Amino acid sequence: METVYDWVTLAIFAGLVVLFLQRSMSDDRQDSMIAYMAGAAMCALANYLGNEGHDLLASALIVANLAFILLVLKPIDLPRRS
């Protein structure tokens, strides 16, 4: 745990784990495991790129991962446009 990428990607991954556990206990919504694996893989790749000095790519991947989680896994209900 030496870089900011370690902490940020760990926080995102922990959020994914909590979301997965919450959804696995719920009867309402069942998500595909592929979506969680994709989010976890994006965390790992962003962390690797950040630790290797590719700051711009790592930052872009972190933002893309957050957008992916919000749009695909939908941890919160986003308001719809009317």
PDB file of N, CA and C in Angstrom:
ATOM      1  N   MET A   1       0.836  -1.167   0.000  1.00  0.00           N
ATOM      2  CA  MET A   1       0.000   0.000   0.000  1.00  0.00           C
ATOM      3  C   MET A   1       0.891   1.243   0.000  1.00  0.00           C
ATOM      4  N   GLU A   2       1.499   1.480  -1.144  1.00  0.00           N
ATOM      5  CA  GLU A   2       2.462   2.571  -1.236  1.00  0.00           C
ATOM      6  C   GLU A   2       1.967   3.762  -2.033  1.00  0.00           C
ATOM      7  N   THR A   3       1.107   3.544  -2.994  1.00  0.00           N
ATOM      8  CA  THR A   3       0.692   4.641  -3.868  1.00  0.00           C
ATOM      9  C   THR A   3      -0.789   4.945  -3.679  1.00  0.00           C
ATOM     10  N   VAL A   4      -1.182   6.082  -4.210  1.00  0.00           N
ATOM     11  CA  VAL A   4      -2.592   6.466  -4.155  1.00  0.00           C
ATOM     12  C   VAL A   4      -3.439   5.488  -4.966  1.00  0.00           C
ATOM     13  N   TYR A   5      -2.867   4.904  -5.995  1.00  0.00           N
ATOM     14  CA  TYR A   5      -3.596   3.932  -6.810  1.00  0.00           C
ATOM     15  C   TYR A   5      -3.939   2.677  -6.005  1.00  0.00           C
ATOM     16  N   ASP A   6      -3.045   2.280  -5.114  1.00  0.00           N
ATOM     17  CA  ASP A   6      -3.331   1.144  -4.241  1.00  0.00           C
ATOM     18  C   ASP A   6      -4.582   1.408  -3.409  1.00  0.00           C
ATOM     19  N   TRP A   7      -4.644   2.579  -2.800  1.00  0.00           N
ATOM     20  CA  TRP A   7      -5.760   2.919  -1.919  1.00  0.00           C
ATOM     21  C   TRP A   7      -7.061   3.120  -2.690  1.00  0.00           C
ATOM     22  N   VAL A   8      -6.997   3.818  -3.812  1.00  0.00           N
ATOM     23  CA  VAL A   8      -8.216   4.106  -4.577  1.00  0.00           C
ATOM     24  C   VAL A   8      -8.799   2.820  -5.158  1.00  0.00           C
ATOM     25  N   THR A   9      -7.960   2.006  -5.772  1.00  0.00           N
ATOM     26  CA  THR A   9      -8.480   0.775  -6.370  1.00  0.00           C
ATOM     27  C   THR A   9      -8.941  -0.213  -5.300  1.00  0.00           C
ATOM     28  N   LEU A  10      -8.287  -0.217  -4.150  1.00  0.00           N
ATOM     29  CA  LEU A  10      -8.741  -1.072  -3.055  1.00  0.00           C
ATOM     30  C   LEU A  10     -10.110  -0.624  -2.558  1.00  0.00           C
ATOM     31  N   ALA A  11     -10.329   0.681  -2.458  1.00  0.00           N
ATOM     32  CA  ALA A  11     -11.632   1.198  -2.022  1.00  0.00           C
ATOM     33  C   ALA A  11     -12.725   0.831  -3.027  1.00  0.00           C
ATOM     34  N   ILE A  12     -12.426   0.957  -4.312  1.00  0.00           N
ATOM     35  CA  ILE A  12     -13.412   0.589  -5.337  1.00  0.00           C
ATOM     36  C   ILE A  12     -13.694  -0.912  -5.280  1.00  0.00           C
ATOM     37  N   PHE A  13     -12.644  -1.711  -5.135  1.00  0.00           N
ATOM     38  CA  PHE A  13     -12.823  -3.160  -5.052  1.00  0.00           C
ATOM     39  C   PHE A  13     -13.633  -3.545  -3.818  1.00  0.00           C
ATOM     40  N   ALA A  14     -13.363  -2.901  -2.688  1.00  0.00           N
ATOM     41  CA  ALA A  14     -14.132  -3.177  -1.468  1.00  0.00           C
ATOM     42  C   ALA A  14     -15.606  -2.829  -1.672  1.00  0.00           C
ATOM     43  N   GLY A  15     -15.862  -1.729  -2.373  1.00  0.00           N
ATOM     44  CA  GLY A  15     -17.243  -1.375  -2.690  1.00  0.00           C
ATOM     45  C   GLY A  15     -17.911  -2.420  -3.567  1.00  0.00           C
ATOM     46  N   LEU A  16     -17.161  -2.957  -4.524  1.00  0.00           N
ATOM     47  CA  LEU A  16     -17.694  -4.030  -5.371  1.00  0.00           C
ATOM     48  C   LEU A  16     -18.035  -5.270  -4.548  1.00  0.00           C
ATOM     49  N   VAL A  17     -17.171  -5.604  -3.601  1.00  0.00           N
ATOM     50  CA  VAL A  17     -17.410  -6.774  -2.752  1.00  0.00           C
ATOM     51  C   VAL A  17     -18.670  -6.576  -1.918  1.00  0.00           C
ATOM     52  N   VAL A  18     -18.808  -5.403  -1.308  1.00  0.00           N
ATOM     53  CA  VAL A  18     -19.994  -5.120  -0.498  1.00  0.00           C
ATOM     54  C   VAL A  18     -21.254  -5.165  -1.363  1.00  0.00           C
ATOM     55  N   LEU A  19     -21.192  -4.572  -2.550  1.00  0.00           N
ATOM     56  CA  LEU A  19     -22.340  -4.593  -3.456  1.00  0.00           C
ATOM     57  C   LEU A  19     -22.691  -6.023  -3.854  1.00  0.00           C
ATOM     58  N   PHE A  20     -21.685  -6.827  -4.158  1.00  0.00           N
ATOM     59  CA  PHE A  20     -21.925  -8.222  -4.524  1.00  0.00           C
ATOM     60  C   PHE A  20     -22.573  -8.991  -3.376  1.00  0.00           C
ATOM     61  N   LEU A  21     -22.046  -8.820  -2.166  1.00  0.00           N
ATOM     62  CA  LEU A  21     -22.608  -9.532  -1.023  1.00  0.00           C
ATOM     63  C   LEU A  21     -24.037  -9.087  -0.734  1.00  0.00           C
ATOM     64  N   GLN A  22     -24.285  -7.799  -0.850  1.00  0.00           N
ATOM     65  CA  GLN A  22     -25.629  -7.287  -0.620  1.00  0.00           C
ATOM     66  C   GLN A  22     -26.600  -7.837  -1.668  1.00  0.00           C
ATOM     67  N   ARG A  23     -26.189  -7.816  -2.914  1.00  0.00           N
ATOM     68  CA  ARG A  23     -27.069  -8.295  -3.986  1.00  0.00           C
ATOM     69  C   ARG A  23     -27.246  -9.810  -3.939  1.00  0.00           C
ATOM     70  N   SER A  24     -26.238 -10.543  -3.472  1.00  0.00           N
ATOM     71  CA  SER A  24     -26.367 -12.000  -3.425  1.00  0.00           C
ATOM     72  C   SER A  24     -27.352 -12.442  -2.346  1.00  0.00           C
ATOM     73  N   MET A  25     -27.562 -11.610  -1.338  1.00  0.00           N
ATOM     74  CA  MET A  25     -28.526 -11.927  -0.281  1.00  0.00           C
ATOM     75  C   MET A  25     -29.930 -11.448  -0.624  1.00  0.00           C
ATOM     76  N   SER A  26     -30.060 -10.604  -1.617  1.00  0.00           N
ATOM     77  CA  SER A  26     -31.343 -10.016  -1.982  1.00  0.00           C
ATOM     78  C   SER A  26     -32.093 -10.915  -2.954  1.00  0.00           C
ATOM     79  N   ASP A  27     -33.409 -10.900  -2.831  1.00  0.00           N
ATOM     80  CA  ASP A  27     -34.239 -11.653  -3.772  1.00  0.00           C
ATOM     81  C   ASP A  27     -34.586 -10.823  -5.001  1.00  0.00           C
ATOM     82  N   ASP A  28     -34.422  -9.520  -4.895  1.00  0.00           N
ATOM     83  CA  ASP A  28     -34.877  -8.614  -5.947  1.00  0.00           C
ATOM     84  C   ASP A  28     -34.032  -8.677  -7.208  1.00  0.00           C
ATOM     85  N   ARG A  29     -32.764  -8.452  -7.071  1.00  0.00           N
ATOM     86  CA  ARG A  29     -31.917  -8.224  -8.237  1.00  0.00           C
ATOM     87  C   ARG A  29     -30.783  -9.242  -8.280  1.00  0.00           C
ATOM     88  N   GLN A  30     -30.597  -9.843  -9.426  1.00  0.00           N
ATOM     89  CA  GLN A  30     -29.490 -10.766  -9.636  1.00  0.00           C
ATOM     90  C   GLN A  30     -28.615 -10.233 -10.760  1.00  0.00           C
ATOM     91  N   ASP A  31     -27.376  -9.946 -10.444  1.00  0.00           N
ATOM     92  CA  ASP A  31     -26.430  -9.448 -11.437  1.00  0.00           C
ATOM     93  C   ASP A  31     -25.562 -10.589 -11.949  1.00  0.00           C
ATOM     94  N   SER A  32     -25.000 -10.375 -13.111  1.00  0.00           N
ATOM     95  CA  SER A  32     -24.076 -11.346 -13.686  1.00  0.00           C
ATOM     96  C   SER A  32     -22.718 -11.248 -12.996  1.00  0.00           C
ATOM     97  N   MET A  33     -22.101 -12.394 -12.759  1.00  0.00           N
ATOM     98  CA  MET A  33     -20.764 -12.412 -12.163  1.00  0.00           C
ATOM     99  C   MET A  33     -19.740 -11.771 -13.089  1.00  0.00           C
ATOM    100  N   ILE A  34     -20.000 -11.802 -14.389  1.00  0.00           N
ATOM    101  CA  ILE A  34     -19.080 -11.220 -15.363  1.00  0.00           C
ATOM    102  C   ILE A  34     -18.901  -9.727 -15.103  1.00  0.00           C
ATOM    103  N   ALA A  35     -19.972  -9.044 -14.744  1.00  0.00           N
ATOM    104  CA  ALA A  35     -19.884  -7.607 -14.487  1.00  0.00           C
ATOM    105  C   ALA A  35     -18.989  -7.321 -13.287  1.00  0.00           C
ATOM    106  N   TYR A  36     -19.088  -8.138 -12.248  1.00  0.00           N
ATOM    107  CA  TYR A  36     -18.236  -7.942 -11.075  1.00  0.00           C
ATOM    108  C   TYR A  36     -16.781  -8.279 -11.398  1.00  0.00           C
ATOM    109  N   MET A  37     -16.576  -9.319 -12.198  1.00  0.00           N
ATOM    110  CA  MET A  37     -15.206  -9.669 -12.586  1.00  0.00           C
ATOM    111  C   MET A  37     -14.591  -8.580 -13.455  1.00  0.00           C
ATOM    112  N   ALA A  38     -15.393  -7.980 -14.326  1.00  0.00           N
ATOM    113  CA  ALA A  38     -14.886  -6.894 -15.165  1.00  0.00           C
ATOM    114  C   ALA A  38     -14.477  -5.703 -14.306  1.00  0.00           C
ATOM    115  N   GLY A  39     -15.301  -5.356 -13.328  1.00  0.00           N
ATOM    116  CA  GLY A  39     -14.961  -4.252 -12.430  1.00  0.00           C
ATOM    117  C   GLY A  39     -13.697  -4.537 -11.633  1.00  0.00           C
ATOM    118  N   ALA A  40     -13.559  -5.767 -11.153  1.00  0.00           N
ATOM    119  CA  ALA A  40     -12.366  -6.147 -10.398  1.00  0.00           C
ATOM    120  C   ALA A  40     -11.123  -6.130 -11.289  1.00  0.00           C
ATOM    121  N   ALA A  41     -11.262  -6.606 -12.518  1.00  0.00           N
ATOM    122  CA  ALA A  41     -10.127  -6.603 -13.449  1.00  0.00           C
ATOM    123  C   ALA A  41      -9.705  -5.178 -13.797  1.00  0.00           C
ATOM    124  N   MET A  42     -10.681  -4.294 -13.937  1.00  0.00           N
ATOM    125  CA  MET A  42     -10.352  -2.892 -14.218  1.00  0.00           C
ATOM    126  C   MET A  42      -9.621  -2.263 -13.036  1.00  0.00           C
ATOM    127  N   CYS A  43      -9.997  -2.634 -11.815  1.00  0.00           N
ATOM    128  CA  CYS A  43      -9.278  -2.155 -10.628  1.00  0.00           C
ATOM    129  C   CYS A  43      -7.827  -2.637 -10.651  1.00  0.00           C
ATOM    130  N   ALA A  44      -7.645  -3.912 -10.935  1.00  0.00           N
ATOM    131  CA  ALA A  44      -6.294  -4.478 -10.956  1.00  0.00           C
ATOM    132  C   ALA A  44      -5.435  -3.827 -12.035  1.00  0.00           C
ATOM    133  N   LEU A  45      -5.999  -3.643 -13.220  1.00  0.00           N
ATOM    134  CA  LEU A  45      -5.242  -3.035 -14.313  1.00  0.00           C
ATOM    135  C   LEU A  45      -4.911  -1.577 -14.012  1.00  0.00           C
ATOM    136  N   ALA A  46      -5.864  -0.839 -13.456  1.00  0.00           N
ATOM    137  CA  ALA A  46      -5.608   0.564 -13.106  1.00  0.00           C
ATOM    138  C   ALA A  46      -4.521   0.660 -12.045  1.00  0.00           C
ATOM    139  N   ASN A  47      -4.549  -0.235 -11.074  1.00  0.00           N
ATOM    140  CA  ASN A  47      -3.523  -0.237 -10.035  1.00  0.00           C
ATOM    141  C   ASN A  47      -2.152  -0.543 -10.631  1.00  0.00           C
ATOM    142  N   TYR A  48      -2.091  -1.532 -11.499  1.00  0.00           N
ATOM    143  CA  TYR A  48      -0.826  -1.884 -12.144  1.00  0.00           C
ATOM    144  C   TYR A  48      -0.283  -0.716 -12.962  1.00  0.00           C
ATOM    145  N   LEU A  49      -1.143  -0.120 -13.779  1.00  0.00           N
ATOM    146  CA  LEU A  49      -0.698   0.996 -14.615  1.00  0.00           C
ATOM    147  C   LEU A  49      -0.232   2.173 -13.762  1.00  0.00           C
ATOM    148  N   GLY A  50      -0.954   2.456 -12.688  1.00  0.00           N
ATOM    149  CA  GLY A  50      -0.560   3.547 -11.808  1.00  0.00           C
ATOM    150  C   GLY A  50       0.771   3.286 -11.131  1.00  0.00           C
ATOM    151  N   ASN A  51       0.985   2.064 -10.691  1.00  0.00           N
ATOM    152  CA  ASN A  51       2.248   1.721 -10.038  1.00  0.00           C
ATOM    153  C   ASN A  51       3.420   1.715 -11.014  1.00  0.00           C
ATOM    154  N   GLU A  52       3.141   1.518 -12.288  1.00  0.00           N
ATOM    155  CA  GLU A  52       4.192   1.530 -13.306  1.00  0.00           C
ATOM    156  C   GLU A  52       4.462   2.924 -13.857  1.00  0.00           C
ATOM    157  N   GLY A  53       3.753   3.926 -13.356  1.00  0.00           N
ATOM    158  CA  GLY A  53       4.011   5.298 -13.768  1.00  0.00           C
ATOM    159  C   GLY A  53       3.146   5.818 -14.896  1.00  0.00           C
ATOM    160  N   HIS A  54       2.170   5.063 -15.310  1.00  0.00           N
ATOM    161  CA  HIS A  54       1.257   5.493 -16.372  1.00  0.00           C
ATOM    162  C   HIS A  54       0.042   6.171 -15.738  1.00  0.00           C
ATOM    163  N   ASP A  55       0.286   7.364 -15.189  1.00  0.00           N
ATOM    164  CA  ASP A  55      -0.729   8.038 -14.383  1.00  0.00           C
ATOM    165  C   ASP A  55      -1.984   8.388 -15.173  1.00  0.00           C
ATOM    166  N   LEU A  56      -1.823   8.883 -16.376  1.00  0.00           N
ATOM    167  CA  LEU A  56      -2.979   9.291 -17.168  1.00  0.00           C
ATOM    168  C   LEU A  56      -3.866   8.092 -17.519  1.00  0.00           C
ATOM    169  N   LEU A  57      -3.246   7.005 -17.951  1.00  0.00           N
ATOM    170  CA  LEU A  57      -4.017   5.803 -18.280  1.00  0.00           C
ATOM    171  C   LEU A  57      -4.707   5.226 -17.046  1.00  0.00           C
ATOM    172  N   ALA A  58      -3.991   5.202 -15.931  1.00  0.00           N
ATOM    173  CA  ALA A  58      -4.569   4.663 -14.701  1.00  0.00           C
ATOM    174  C   ALA A  58      -5.742   5.508 -14.233  1.00  0.00           C
ATOM    175  N   SER A  59      -5.597   6.815 -14.287  1.00  0.00           N
ATOM    176  CA  SER A  59      -6.684   7.707 -13.870  1.00  0.00           C
ATOM    177  C   SER A  59      -7.894   7.558 -14.782  1.00  0.00           C
ATOM    178  N   ALA A  60      -7.651   7.464 -16.080  1.00  0.00           N
ATOM    179  CA  ALA A  60      -8.755   7.285 -17.027  1.00  0.00           C
ATOM    180  C   ALA A  60      -9.469   5.958 -16.785  1.00  0.00           C
ATOM    181  N   LEU A  61      -8.722   4.927 -16.480  1.00  0.00           N
ATOM    182  CA  LEU A  61      -9.324   3.618 -16.230  1.00  0.00           C
ATOM    183  C   LEU A  61     -10.124   3.611 -14.928  1.00  0.00           C
ATOM    184  N   ILE A  62      -9.657   4.333 -13.924  1.00  0.00           N
ATOM    185  CA  ILE A  62     -10.409   4.441 -12.669  1.00  0.00           C
ATOM    186  C   ILE A  62     -11.737   5.146 -12.912  1.00  0.00           C
ATOM    187  N   VAL A  63     -11.708   6.239 -13.665  1.00  0.00           N
ATOM    188  CA  VAL A  63     -12.947   6.961 -13.980  1.00  0.00           C
ATOM    189  C   VAL A  63     -13.874   6.074 -14.812  1.00  0.00           C
ATOM    190  N   ALA A  64     -13.312   5.358 -15.780  1.00  0.00           N
ATOM    191  CA  ALA A  64     -14.123   4.453 -16.604  1.00  0.00           C
ATOM    192  C   ALA A  64     -14.728   3.334 -15.757  1.00  0.00           C
ATOM    193  N   ASN A  65     -13.978   2.841 -14.796  1.00  0.00           N
ATOM    194  CA  ASN A  65     -14.481   1.785 -13.923  1.00  0.00           C
ATOM    195  C   ASN A  65     -15.635   2.292 -13.064  1.00  0.00           C
ATOM    196  N   LEU A  66     -15.506   3.493 -12.527  1.00  0.00           N
ATOM    197  CA  LEU A  66     -16.592   4.068 -11.733  1.00  0.00           C
ATOM    198  C   LEU A  66     -17.841   4.274 -12.586  1.00  0.00           C
ATOM    199  N   ALA A  67     -17.649   4.741 -13.815  1.00  0.00           N
ATOM    200  CA  ALA A  67     -18.787   4.910 -14.722  1.00  0.00           C
ATOM    201  C   ALA A  67     -19.421   3.559 -15.044  1.00  0.00           C
ATOM    202  N   PHE A  68     -18.599   2.554 -15.276  1.00  0.00           N
ATOM    203  CA  PHE A  68     -19.092   1.203 -15.550  1.00  0.00           C
ATOM    204  C   PHE A  68     -19.926   0.680 -14.384  1.00  0.00           C
ATOM    205  N   ILE A  69     -19.420   0.862 -13.175  1.00  0.00           N
ATOM    206  CA  ILE A  69     -20.141   0.390 -11.992  1.00  0.00           C
ATOM    207  C   ILE A  69     -21.474   1.120 -11.856  1.00  0.00           C
ATOM    208  N   LEU A  70     -21.465   2.433 -12.046  1.00  0.00           N
ATOM    209  CA  LEU A  70     -22.704   3.203 -11.915  1.00  0.00           C
ATOM    210  C   LEU A  70     -23.731   2.844 -12.981  1.00  0.00           C
ATOM    211  N   LEU A  71     -23.274   2.645 -14.211  1.00  0.00           N
ATOM    212  CA  LEU A  71     -24.199   2.409 -15.316  1.00  0.00           C
ATOM    213  C   LEU A  71     -24.629   0.954 -15.468  1.00  0.00           C
ATOM    214  N   VAL A  72     -23.753   0.024 -15.144  1.00  0.00           N
ATOM    215  CA  VAL A  72     -24.071  -1.391 -15.349  1.00  0.00           C
ATOM    216  C   VAL A  72     -24.594  -2.047 -14.069  1.00  0.00           C
ATOM    217  N   LEU A  73     -23.875  -1.889 -12.971  1.00  0.00           N
ATOM    218  CA  LEU A  73     -24.285  -2.536 -11.725  1.00  0.00           C
ATOM    219  C   LEU A  73     -25.312  -1.721 -10.948  1.00  0.00           C
ATOM    220  N   LYS A  74     -25.370  -0.437 -11.198  1.00  0.00           N
ATOM    221  CA  LYS A  74     -26.370   0.470 -10.620  1.00  0.00           C
ATOM    222  C   LYS A  74     -26.503   0.337  -9.100  1.00  0.00           C
ATOM    223  N   PRO A  75     -25.464   0.720  -8.353  1.00  0.00           N
ATOM    224  CA  PRO A  75     -25.565   0.643  -6.892  1.00  0.00           C
ATOM    225  C   PRO A  75     -26.543   1.664  -6.313  1.00  0.00           C
ATOM    226  N   ILE A  76     -26.792   2.738  -7.044  1.00  0.00           N
ATOM    227  CA  ILE A  76     -27.772   3.743  -6.626  1.00  0.00           C
ATOM    228  C   ILE A  76     -28.719   3.985  -7.789  1.00  0.00           C
ATOM    229  N   ASP A  77     -29.918   4.414  -7.455  1.00  0.00           N
ATOM    230  CA  ASP A  77     -30.892   4.732  -8.496  1.00  0.00           C
ATOM    231  C   ASP A  77     -30.633   6.140  -9.003  1.00  0.00           C
ATOM    232  N   LEU A  78     -30.183   6.236 -10.232  1.00  0.00           N
ATOM    233  CA  LEU A  78     -29.944   7.538 -10.840  1.00  0.00           C
ATOM    234  C   LEU A  78     -31.259   8.088 -11.374  1.00  0.00           C
ATOM    235  N   PRO A  79     -31.470   9.399 -11.260  1.00  0.00           N
ATOM    236  CA  PRO A  79     -32.723   9.964 -11.778  1.00  0.00           C
ATOM    237  C   PRO A  79     -32.775   9.851 -13.301  1.00  0.00           C
ATOM    238  N   ARG A  80     -33.961   9.579 -13.805  1.00  0.00           N
ATOM    239  CA  ARG A  80     -34.151   9.463 -15.255  1.00  0.00           C
ATOM    240  C   ARG A  80     -34.474  10.819 -15.839  1.00  0.00           C
ATOM    241  N   ARG A  81     -34.034  11.019 -17.053  1.00  0.00           N
ATOM    242  CA  ARG A  81     -34.380  12.252 -17.767  1.00  0.00           C
ATOM    243  C   ARG A  81     -35.814  12.157 -18.264  1.00  0.00           C
ATOM    244  N   SER A  82     -36.517  13.294 -18.208  1.00  0.00           N
ATOM    245  CA  SER A  82     -37.890  13.264 -18.715  1.00  0.00           C
ATOM    246  C   SER A  82     -38.064  14.114 -19.940  1.00  0.00           C
TER     247      SER A  82
END
